[in-house]
Amino acid sequence: DSPVKEEKLPREVLRLATAYTIQKEQLGEQI
């Protein structure tokens, strides 16, 4: 749940982290 800051991470990991952040925010807002 900590922000992902590593610029050296593969794009697939960064995309996954971004998707998780968005889904987490959407879930919280729905509840």
Full PDB file with SEQRES, HELIX, SHEET, SSBOND, CRYST1, ORIGX, SCALE, CONECT and MASTER records, all heavy atoms in Angstrom:
SEQRES   1 A   31  ASP SER PRO VAL LYS GLU GLU LYS LEU PRO ARG GLU VAL          
SEQRES   2 A   31  LEU ARG LEU ALA THR ALA TYR THR ILE GLN LYS GLU GLN          
SEQRES   3 A   31  LEU GLY GLU GLN ILE                                          
HELIX    1 AA1 ARG A   11  GLN A   30  1                                  20    
CRYST1    1.000    1.000    1.000  90.00  90.00  90.00 P 1           1          
ORIGX1      1.000000  0.000000  0.000000        0.00000                         
ORIGX2      0.000000  1.000000  0.000000        0.00000                         
ORIGX3      0.000000  0.000000  1.000000        0.00000                         
SCALE1      1.000000  0.000000  0.000000        0.00000                         
SCALE2      0.000000  1.000000  0.000000        0.00000                         
SCALE3      0.000000  0.000000  1.000000        0.00000                         
ATOM      1  N   ASP A   1       0.806  -1.222   0.000  1.00  0.00           N  
ATOM      2  CA  ASP A   1       0.000   0.000   0.000  1.00  0.00           C  
ATOM      3  C   ASP A   1       0.838   1.272   0.000  1.00  0.00           C  
ATOM      4  O   ASP A   1       0.297   2.375   0.009  1.00  0.00           O  
ATOM      5  CB  ASP A   1      -0.951   0.005   1.203  1.00  0.00           C  
ATOM      6  CG  ASP A   1      -2.018  -1.074   1.079  1.00  0.00           C  
ATOM      7  OD1 ASP A   1      -2.648  -1.151   0.012  1.00  0.00           O  
ATOM      8  OD2 ASP A   1      -2.203  -1.844   2.036  1.00  0.00           O  
ATOM      9  N   SER A   2       2.146   1.130   0.013  1.00  0.00           N  
ATOM     10  CA  SER A   2       3.018   2.298  -0.061  1.00  0.00           C  
ATOM     11  C   SER A   2       3.149   2.757  -1.512  1.00  0.00           C  
ATOM     12  O   SER A   2       3.056   1.946  -2.435  1.00  0.00           O  
ATOM     13  CB  SER A   2       4.408   1.973   0.493  1.00  0.00           C  
ATOM     14  OG  SER A   2       4.330   1.615   1.862  1.00  0.00           O  
ATOM     15  N   PRO A   3       3.356   4.060  -1.736  1.00  0.00           N  
ATOM     16  CA  PRO A   3       3.516   4.556  -3.106  1.00  0.00           C  
ATOM     17  C   PRO A   3       4.708   3.913  -3.804  1.00  0.00           C  
ATOM     18  O   PRO A   3       5.748   3.691  -3.192  1.00  0.00           O  
ATOM     19  CB  PRO A   3       3.742   6.060  -2.913  1.00  0.00           C  
ATOM     20  CG  PRO A   3       3.178   6.372  -1.565  1.00  0.00           C  
ATOM     21  CD  PRO A   3       3.395   5.141  -0.738  1.00  0.00           C  
ATOM     22  N   VAL A   4       4.546   3.590  -5.071  1.00  0.00           N  
ATOM     23  CA  VAL A   4       5.628   3.000  -5.863  1.00  0.00           C  
ATOM     24  C   VAL A   4       6.378   4.129  -6.560  1.00  0.00           C  
ATOM     25  O   VAL A   4       5.808   4.872  -7.348  1.00  0.00           O  
ATOM     26  CB  VAL A   4       5.056   2.002  -6.898  1.00  0.00           C  
ATOM     27  CG1 VAL A   4       6.168   1.504  -7.813  1.00  0.00           C  
ATOM     28  CG2 VAL A   4       4.388   0.841  -6.195  1.00  0.00           C  
ATOM     29  N   LYS A   5       7.658   4.251  -6.255  1.00  0.00           N  
ATOM     30  CA  LYS A   5       8.441   5.383  -6.778  1.00  0.00           C  
ATOM     31  C   LYS A   5       9.597   4.943  -7.672  1.00  0.00           C  
ATOM     32  O   LYS A   5      10.247   5.777  -8.285  1.00  0.00           O  
ATOM     33  CB  LYS A   5       9.013   6.192  -5.612  1.00  0.00           C  
ATOM     34  CG  LYS A   5       7.984   6.640  -4.598  1.00  0.00           C  
ATOM     35  CD  LYS A   5       8.653   7.297  -3.416  1.00  0.00           C  
ATOM     36  CE  LYS A   5       7.661   7.626  -2.323  1.00  0.00           C  
ATOM     37  NZ  LYS A   5       8.335   8.215  -1.140  1.00  0.00           N  
ATOM     38  N   GLU A   6       9.861   3.654  -7.708  1.00  0.00           N  
ATOM     39  CA  GLU A   6      11.054   3.177  -8.404  1.00  0.00           C  
ATOM     40  C   GLU A   6      10.954   3.357  -9.920  1.00  0.00           C  
ATOM     41  O   GLU A   6      10.106   2.774 -10.579  1.00  0.00           O  
ATOM     42  CB  GLU A   6      11.294   1.702  -8.080  1.00  0.00           C  
ATOM     43  CG  GLU A   6      11.606   1.427  -6.626  1.00  0.00           C  
ATOM     44  CD  GLU A   6      12.973   1.948  -6.221  1.00  0.00           C  
ATOM     45  OE1 GLU A   6      13.768   2.275  -7.124  1.00  0.00           O  
ATOM     46  OE2 GLU A   6      13.233   2.039  -5.013  1.00  0.00           O  
ATOM     47  N   GLU A   7      11.820   4.192 -10.458  1.00  0.00           N  
ATOM     48  CA  GLU A   7      11.821   4.423 -11.901  1.00  0.00           C  
ATOM     49  C   GLU A   7      12.379   3.229 -12.669  1.00  0.00           C  
ATOM     50  O   GLU A   7      12.158   3.096 -13.866  1.00  0.00           O  
ATOM     51  CB  GLU A   7      12.643   5.677 -12.218  1.00  0.00           C  
ATOM     52  CG  GLU A   7      12.050   6.949 -11.615  1.00  0.00           C  
ATOM     53  CD  GLU A   7      12.893   8.162 -11.921  1.00  0.00           C  
ATOM     54  OE1 GLU A   7      13.952   7.985 -12.567  1.00  0.00           O  
ATOM     55  OE2 GLU A   7      12.512   9.279 -11.524  1.00  0.00           O  
ATOM     56  N   LYS A   8      13.141   2.370 -11.990  1.00  0.00           N  
ATOM     57  CA  LYS A   8      13.773   1.234 -12.658  1.00  0.00           C  
ATOM     58  C   LYS A   8      12.857   0.021 -12.763  1.00  0.00           C  
ATOM     59  O   LYS A   8      13.254  -1.014 -13.302  1.00  0.00           O  
ATOM     60  CB  LYS A   8      15.045   0.851 -11.902  1.00  0.00           C  
ATOM     61  CG  LYS A   8      16.112   1.933 -11.909  1.00  0.00           C  
ATOM     62  CD  LYS A   8      17.353   1.504 -11.153  1.00  0.00           C  
ATOM     63  CE  LYS A   8      18.405   2.598 -11.140  1.00  0.00           C  
ATOM     64  NZ  LYS A   8      19.617   2.191 -10.389  1.00  0.00           N  
ATOM     65  N   LEU A   9      11.646   0.132 -12.260  1.00  0.00           N  
ATOM     66  CA  LEU A   9      10.716  -0.993 -12.323  1.00  0.00           C  
ATOM     67  C   LEU A   9      10.234  -1.222 -13.749  1.00  0.00           C  
ATOM     68  O   LEU A   9      10.077  -0.267 -14.524  1.00  0.00           O  
ATOM     69  CB  LEU A   9       9.511  -0.736 -11.433  1.00  0.00           C  
ATOM     70  CG  LEU A   9       9.698  -0.951  -9.932  1.00  0.00           C  
ATOM     71  CD1 LEU A   9       8.511  -0.406  -9.167  1.00  0.00           C  
ATOM     72  CD2 LEU A   9       9.886  -2.434  -9.624  1.00  0.00           C  
ATOM     73  N   PRO A  10       9.969  -2.476 -14.114  1.00  0.00           N  
ATOM     74  CA  PRO A  10       9.400  -2.765 -15.438  1.00  0.00           C  
ATOM     75  C   PRO A  10       8.028  -2.106 -15.590  1.00  0.00           C  
ATOM     76  O   PRO A  10       7.310  -1.902 -14.613  1.00  0.00           O  
ATOM     77  CB  PRO A  10       9.268  -4.300 -15.433  1.00  0.00           C  
ATOM     78  CG  PRO A  10      10.213  -4.766 -14.383  1.00  0.00           C  
ATOM     79  CD  PRO A  10      10.244  -3.700 -13.339  1.00  0.00           C  
ATOM     80  N   ARG A  11       7.682  -1.804 -16.833  1.00  0.00           N  
ATOM     81  CA  ARG A  11       6.400  -1.131 -17.086  1.00  0.00           C  
ATOM     82  C   ARG A  11       5.218  -1.961 -16.625  1.00  0.00           C  
ATOM     83  O   ARG A  11       4.221  -1.417 -16.155  1.00  0.00           O  
ATOM     84  CB  ARG A  11       6.274  -0.824 -18.588  1.00  0.00           C  
ATOM     85  CG  ARG A  11       7.200   0.285 -19.065  1.00  0.00           C  
ATOM     86  CD  ARG A  11       6.931   0.620 -20.517  1.00  0.00           C  
ATOM     87  NE  ARG A  11       7.801   1.702 -20.982  1.00  0.00           N  
ATOM     88  CZ  ARG A  11       7.769   2.196 -22.223  1.00  0.00           C  
ATOM     89  NH1 ARG A  11       6.915   1.688 -23.117  1.00  0.00           N  
ATOM     90  NH2 ARG A  11       8.583   3.176 -22.548  1.00  0.00           N  
ATOM     91  N   GLU A  12       5.321  -3.288 -16.747  1.00  0.00           N  
ATOM     92  CA  GLU A  12       4.195  -4.131 -16.346  1.00  0.00           C  
ATOM     93  C   GLU A  12       3.936  -4.040 -14.840  1.00  0.00           C  
ATOM     94  O   GLU A  12       2.797  -4.121 -14.389  1.00  0.00           O  
ATOM     95  CB  GLU A  12       4.445  -5.592 -16.754  1.00  0.00           C  
ATOM     96  CG  GLU A  12       5.719  -6.199 -16.179  1.00  0.00           C  
ATOM     97  CD  GLU A  12       5.964  -7.610 -16.680  1.00  0.00           C  
ATOM     98  OE1 GLU A  12       4.971  -8.303 -17.006  1.00  0.00           O  
ATOM     99  OE2 GLU A  12       7.127  -8.020 -16.751  1.00  0.00           O  
ATOM    100  N   VAL A  13       5.002  -3.848 -14.066  1.00  0.00           N  
ATOM    101  CA  VAL A  13       4.840  -3.684 -12.619  1.00  0.00           C  
ATOM    102  C   VAL A  13       4.230  -2.327 -12.301  1.00  0.00           C  
ATOM    103  O   VAL A  13       3.333  -2.210 -11.463  1.00  0.00           O  
ATOM    104  CB  VAL A  13       6.193  -3.843 -11.903  1.00  0.00           C  
ATOM    105  CG1 VAL A  13       6.034  -3.583 -10.404  1.00  0.00           C  
ATOM    106  CG2 VAL A  13       6.755  -5.242 -12.131  1.00  0.00           C  
ATOM    107  N   LEU A  14       4.693  -1.290 -12.986  1.00  0.00           N  
ATOM    108  CA  LEU A  14       4.154   0.048 -12.771  1.00  0.00           C  
ATOM    109  C   LEU A  14       2.681   0.118 -13.170  1.00  0.00           C  
ATOM    110  O   LEU A  14       1.873   0.748 -12.481  1.00  0.00           O  
ATOM    111  CB  LEU A  14       4.964   1.077 -13.568  1.00  0.00           C  
ATOM    112  CG  LEU A  14       6.404   1.284 -13.107  1.00  0.00           C  
ATOM    113  CD1 LEU A  14       7.145   2.204 -14.072  1.00  0.00           C  
ATOM    114  CD2 LEU A  14       6.436   1.862 -11.701  1.00  0.00           C  
ATOM    115  N   ARG A  15       2.334  -0.540 -14.271  1.00  0.00           N  
ATOM    116  CA  ARG A  15       0.920  -0.578 -14.691  1.00  0.00           C  
ATOM    117  C   ARG A  15       0.062  -1.295 -13.657  1.00  0.00           C  
ATOM    118  O   ARG A  15      -1.052  -0.865 -13.346  1.00  0.00           O  
ATOM    119  CB  ARG A  15       0.793  -1.254 -16.067  1.00  0.00           C  
ATOM    120  CG  ARG A  15       1.250  -0.396 -17.232  1.00  0.00           C  
ATOM    121  CD  ARG A  15       0.742  -0.959 -18.552  1.00  0.00           C  
ATOM    122  NE  ARG A  15       1.302  -2.287 -18.820  1.00  0.00           N  
ATOM    123  CZ  ARG A  15       2.390  -2.496 -19.523  1.00  0.00           C  
ATOM    124  NH1 ARG A  15       3.052  -1.477 -20.044  1.00  0.00           N  
ATOM    125  NH2 ARG A  15       2.835  -3.719 -19.739  1.00  0.00           N  
ATOM    126  N   LEU A  16       0.595  -2.393 -13.133  1.00  0.00           N  
ATOM    127  CA  LEU A  16      -0.125  -3.165 -12.127  1.00  0.00           C  
ATOM    128  C   LEU A  16      -0.322  -2.337 -10.846  1.00  0.00           C  
ATOM    129  O   LEU A  16      -1.412  -2.333 -10.258  1.00  0.00           O  
ATOM    130  CB  LEU A  16       0.628  -4.452 -11.808  1.00  0.00           C  
ATOM    131  CG  LEU A  16      -0.027  -5.418 -10.806  1.00  0.00           C  
ATOM    132  CD1 LEU A  16      -1.377  -5.908 -11.326  1.00  0.00           C  
ATOM    133  CD2 LEU A  16       0.901  -6.597 -10.537  1.00  0.00           C  
ATOM    134  N   ALA A  17       0.725  -1.635 -10.452  1.00  0.00           N  
ATOM    135  CA  ALA A  17       0.650  -0.803  -9.244  1.00  0.00           C  
ATOM    136  C   ALA A  17      -0.362   0.332  -9.418  1.00  0.00           C  
ATOM    137  O   ALA A  17      -1.131   0.643  -8.501  1.00  0.00           O  
ATOM    138  CB  ALA A  17       2.022  -0.237  -8.918  1.00  0.00           C  
ATOM    139  N   THR A  18      -0.371   0.934 -10.607  1.00  0.00           N  
ATOM    140  CA  THR A  18      -1.335   2.009 -10.892  1.00  0.00           C  
ATOM    141  C   THR A  18      -2.759   1.483 -10.868  1.00  0.00           C  
ATOM    142  O   THR A  18      -3.659   2.114 -10.300  1.00  0.00           O  
ATOM    143  CB  THR A  18      -1.026   2.644 -12.262  1.00  0.00           C  
ATOM    144  OG1 THR A  18       0.300   3.182 -12.254  1.00  0.00           O  
ATOM    145  CG2 THR A  18      -2.018   3.754 -12.578  1.00  0.00           C  
ATOM    146  N   ALA A  19      -2.968   0.315 -11.483  1.00  0.00           N  
ATOM    147  CA  ALA A  19      -4.299  -0.291 -11.508  1.00  0.00           C  
ATOM    148  C   ALA A  19      -4.775  -0.616 -10.090  1.00  0.00           C  
ATOM    149  O   ALA A  19      -5.952  -0.402  -9.747  1.00  0.00           O  
ATOM    150  CB  ALA A  19      -4.280  -1.551 -12.358  1.00  0.00           C  
ATOM    151  N   TYR A  20      -3.870  -1.113  -9.250  1.00  0.00           N  
ATOM    152  CA  TYR A  20      -4.225  -1.446  -7.859  1.00  0.00           C  
ATOM    153  C   TYR A  20      -4.631  -0.190  -7.090  1.00  0.00           C  
ATOM    154  O   TYR A  20      -5.632  -0.190  -6.352  1.00  0.00           O  
ATOM    155  CB  TYR A  20      -3.048  -2.124  -7.166  1.00  0.00           C  
ATOM    156  CG  TYR A  20      -3.249  -2.325  -5.683  1.00  0.00           C  
ATOM    157  CD1 TYR A  20      -4.263  -3.150  -5.203  1.00  0.00           C  
ATOM    158  CD2 TYR A  20      -2.429  -1.678  -4.757  1.00  0.00           C  
ATOM    159  CE1 TYR A  20      -4.448  -3.335  -3.831  1.00  0.00           C  
ATOM    160  CE2 TYR A  20      -2.603  -1.858  -3.393  1.00  0.00           C  
ATOM    161  CZ  TYR A  20      -3.621  -2.687  -2.943  1.00  0.00           C  
ATOM    162  OH  TYR A  20      -3.811  -2.859  -1.588  1.00  0.00           O  
ATOM    163  N   THR A  21      -3.900   0.893  -7.282  1.00  0.00           N  
ATOM    164  CA  THR A  21      -4.212   2.146  -6.600  1.00  0.00           C  
ATOM    165  C   THR A  21      -5.595   2.649  -6.995  1.00  0.00           C  
ATOM    166  O   THR A  21      -6.398   3.062  -6.142  1.00  0.00           O  
ATOM    167  CB  THR A  21      -3.159   3.219  -6.929  1.00  0.00           C  
ATOM    168  OG1 THR A  21      -1.869   2.765  -6.493  1.00  0.00           O  
ATOM    169  CG2 THR A  21      -3.490   4.532  -6.250  1.00  0.00           C  
ATOM    170  N   ILE A  22      -5.892   2.590  -8.283  1.00  0.00           N  
ATOM    171  CA  ILE A  22      -7.203   3.044  -8.777  1.00  0.00           C  
ATOM    172  C   ILE A  22      -8.319   2.153  -8.235  1.00  0.00           C  
ATOM    173  O   ILE A  22      -9.351   2.646  -7.753  1.00  0.00           O  
ATOM    174  CB  ILE A  22      -7.220   3.050 -10.321  1.00  0.00           C  
ATOM    175  CG1 ILE A  22      -6.249   4.118 -10.854  1.00  0.00           C  
ATOM    176  CG2 ILE A  22      -8.632   3.305 -10.844  1.00  0.00           C  
ATOM    177  CD1 ILE A  22      -6.052   4.065 -12.349  1.00  0.00           C  
ATOM    178  N   GLN A  23      -8.123   0.833  -8.296  1.00  0.00           N  
ATOM    179  CA  GLN A  23      -9.139  -0.099  -7.811  1.00  0.00           C  
ATOM    180  C   GLN A  23      -9.379   0.057  -6.306  1.00  0.00           C  
ATOM    181  O   GLN A  23     -10.509  -0.031  -5.832  1.00  0.00           O  
ATOM    182  CB  GLN A  23      -8.724  -1.534  -8.138  1.00  0.00           C  
ATOM    183  CG  GLN A  23      -8.765  -1.862  -9.619  1.00  0.00           C  
ATOM    184  CD  GLN A  23      -8.112  -3.197  -9.928  1.00  0.00           C  
ATOM    185  OE1 GLN A  23      -7.682  -3.921  -9.044  1.00  0.00           O  
ATOM    186  NE2 GLN A  23      -8.018  -3.514 -11.223  1.00  0.00           N  
ATOM    187  N   LYS A  24      -8.295   0.307  -5.563  1.00  0.00           N  
ATOM    188  CA  LYS A  24      -8.404   0.489  -4.117  1.00  0.00           C  
ATOM    189  C   LYS A  24      -9.226   1.735  -3.787  1.00  0.00           C  
ATOM    190  O   LYS A  24     -10.083   1.716  -2.890  1.00  0.00           O  
ATOM    191  CB  LYS A  24      -7.003   0.586  -3.514  1.00  0.00           C  
ATOM    192  CG  LYS A  24      -6.965   0.661  -2.007  1.00  0.00           C  
ATOM    193  CD  LYS A  24      -5.541   0.534  -1.482  1.00  0.00           C  
ATOM    194  CE  LYS A  24      -4.647   1.610  -2.022  1.00  0.00           C  
ATOM    195  NZ  LYS A  24      -3.302   1.611  -1.399  1.00  0.00           N  
ATOM    196  N   GLU A  25      -8.965   2.820  -4.525  1.00  0.00           N  
ATOM    197  CA  GLU A  25      -9.709   4.056  -4.307  1.00  0.00           C  
ATOM    198  C   GLU A  25     -11.178   3.883  -4.689  1.00  0.00           C  
ATOM    199  O   GLU A  25     -12.070   4.387  -3.985  1.00  0.00           O  
ATOM    200  CB  GLU A  25      -9.075   5.188  -5.111  1.00  0.00           C  
ATOM    201  CG  GLU A  25      -7.705   5.610  -4.587  1.00  0.00           C  
ATOM    202  CD  GLU A  25      -7.047   6.674  -5.441  1.00  0.00           C  
ATOM    203  OE1 GLU A  25      -7.602   6.975  -6.520  1.00  0.00           O  
ATOM    204  OE2 GLU A  25      -5.980   7.183  -5.047  1.00  0.00           O  
ATOM    205  N   GLN A  26     -11.427   3.183  -5.780  1.00  0.00           N  
ATOM    206  CA  GLN A  26     -12.804   2.945  -6.213  1.00  0.00           C  
ATOM    207  C   GLN A  26     -13.562   2.093  -5.198  1.00  0.00           C  
ATOM    208  O   GLN A  26     -14.732   2.366  -4.892  1.00  0.00           O  
ATOM    209  CB  GLN A  26     -12.816   2.271  -7.585  1.00  0.00           C  
ATOM    210  CG  GLN A  26     -12.369   3.181  -8.722  1.00  0.00           C  
ATOM    211  CD  GLN A  26     -12.267   2.450 -10.050  1.00  0.00           C  
ATOM    212  OE1 GLN A  26     -12.169   1.208 -10.091  1.00  0.00           O  
ATOM    213  NE2 GLN A  26     -12.268   3.197 -11.139  1.00  0.00           N  
ATOM    214  N   LEU A  27     -12.907   1.065  -4.678  1.00  0.00           N  
ATOM    215  CA  LEU A  27     -13.527   0.207  -3.675  1.00  0.00           C  
ATOM    216  C   LEU A  27     -13.898   1.006  -2.429  1.00  0.00           C  
ATOM    217  O   LEU A  27     -15.016   0.895  -1.912  1.00  0.00           O  
ATOM    218  CB  LEU A  27     -12.574  -0.926  -3.293  1.00  0.00           C  
ATOM    219  CG  LEU A  27     -13.015  -1.838  -2.137  1.00  0.00           C  
ATOM    220  CD1 LEU A  27     -14.294  -2.575  -2.487  1.00  0.00           C  
ATOM    221  CD2 LEU A  27     -11.908  -2.816  -1.777  1.00  0.00           C  
ATOM    222  N   GLY A  28     -12.955   1.814  -1.943  1.00  0.00           N  
ATOM    223  CA  GLY A  28     -13.220   2.622  -0.762  1.00  0.00           C  
ATOM    224  C   GLY A  28     -14.383   3.570  -0.968  1.00  0.00           C  
ATOM    225  O   GLY A  28     -15.234   3.729  -0.089  1.00  0.00           O  
ATOM    226  N   GLU A  29     -14.420   4.198  -2.134  1.00  0.00           N  
ATOM    227  CA  GLU A  29     -15.494   5.149  -2.423  1.00  0.00           C  
ATOM    228  C   GLU A  29     -16.849   4.447  -2.532  1.00  0.00           C  
ATOM    229  O   GLU A  29     -17.875   4.982  -2.085  1.00  0.00           O  
ATOM    230  CB  GLU A  29     -15.179   5.899  -3.716  1.00  0.00           C  
ATOM    231  CG  GLU A  29     -16.110   7.059  -4.007  1.00  0.00           C  
ATOM    232  CD  GLU A  29     -16.092   8.141  -2.941  1.00  0.00           C  
ATOM    233  OE1 GLU A  29     -15.047   8.322  -2.286  1.00  0.00           O  
ATOM    234  OE2 GLU A  29     -17.139   8.805  -2.760  1.00  0.00           O  
ATOM    235  N   GLN A  30     -16.875   3.257  -3.104  1.00  0.00           N  
ATOM    236  CA  GLN A  30     -18.124   2.495  -3.207  1.00  0.00           C  
ATOM    237  C   GLN A  30     -18.691   2.162  -1.828  1.00  0.00           C  
ATOM    238  O   GLN A  30     -19.893   2.313  -1.582  1.00  0.00           O  
ATOM    239  CB  GLN A  30     -17.883   1.203  -3.995  1.00  0.00           C  
ATOM    240  CG  GLN A  30     -17.668   1.413  -5.485  1.00  0.00           C  
ATOM    241  CD  GLN A  30     -17.222   0.144  -6.197  1.00  0.00           C  
ATOM    242  OE1 GLN A  30     -17.078  -0.911  -5.576  1.00  0.00           O  
ATOM    243  NE2 GLN A  30     -16.979   0.244  -7.490  1.00  0.00           N  
ATOM    244  N   ILE A  31     -17.835   1.726  -0.917  1.00  0.00           N  
ATOM    245  CA  ILE A  31     -18.290   1.370   0.434  1.00  0.00           C  
ATOM    246  C   ILE A  31     -18.686   2.625   1.205  1.00  0.00           C  
ATOM    247  O   ILE A  31     -19.676   2.621   1.955  1.00  0.00           O  
ATOM    248  CB  ILE A  31     -17.202   0.573   1.177  1.00  0.00           C  
ATOM    249  CG1 ILE A  31     -16.946  -0.749   0.444  1.00  0.00           C  
ATOM    250  CG2 ILE A  31     -17.607   0.310   2.621  1.00  0.00           C  
ATOM    251  CD1 ILE A  31     -15.820  -1.570   0.998  1.00  0.00           C  
TER     252      ILE A  31                                                      
MASTER        0    0    0    1    0    0    0    6  251    1    0    3          
END                                                                             
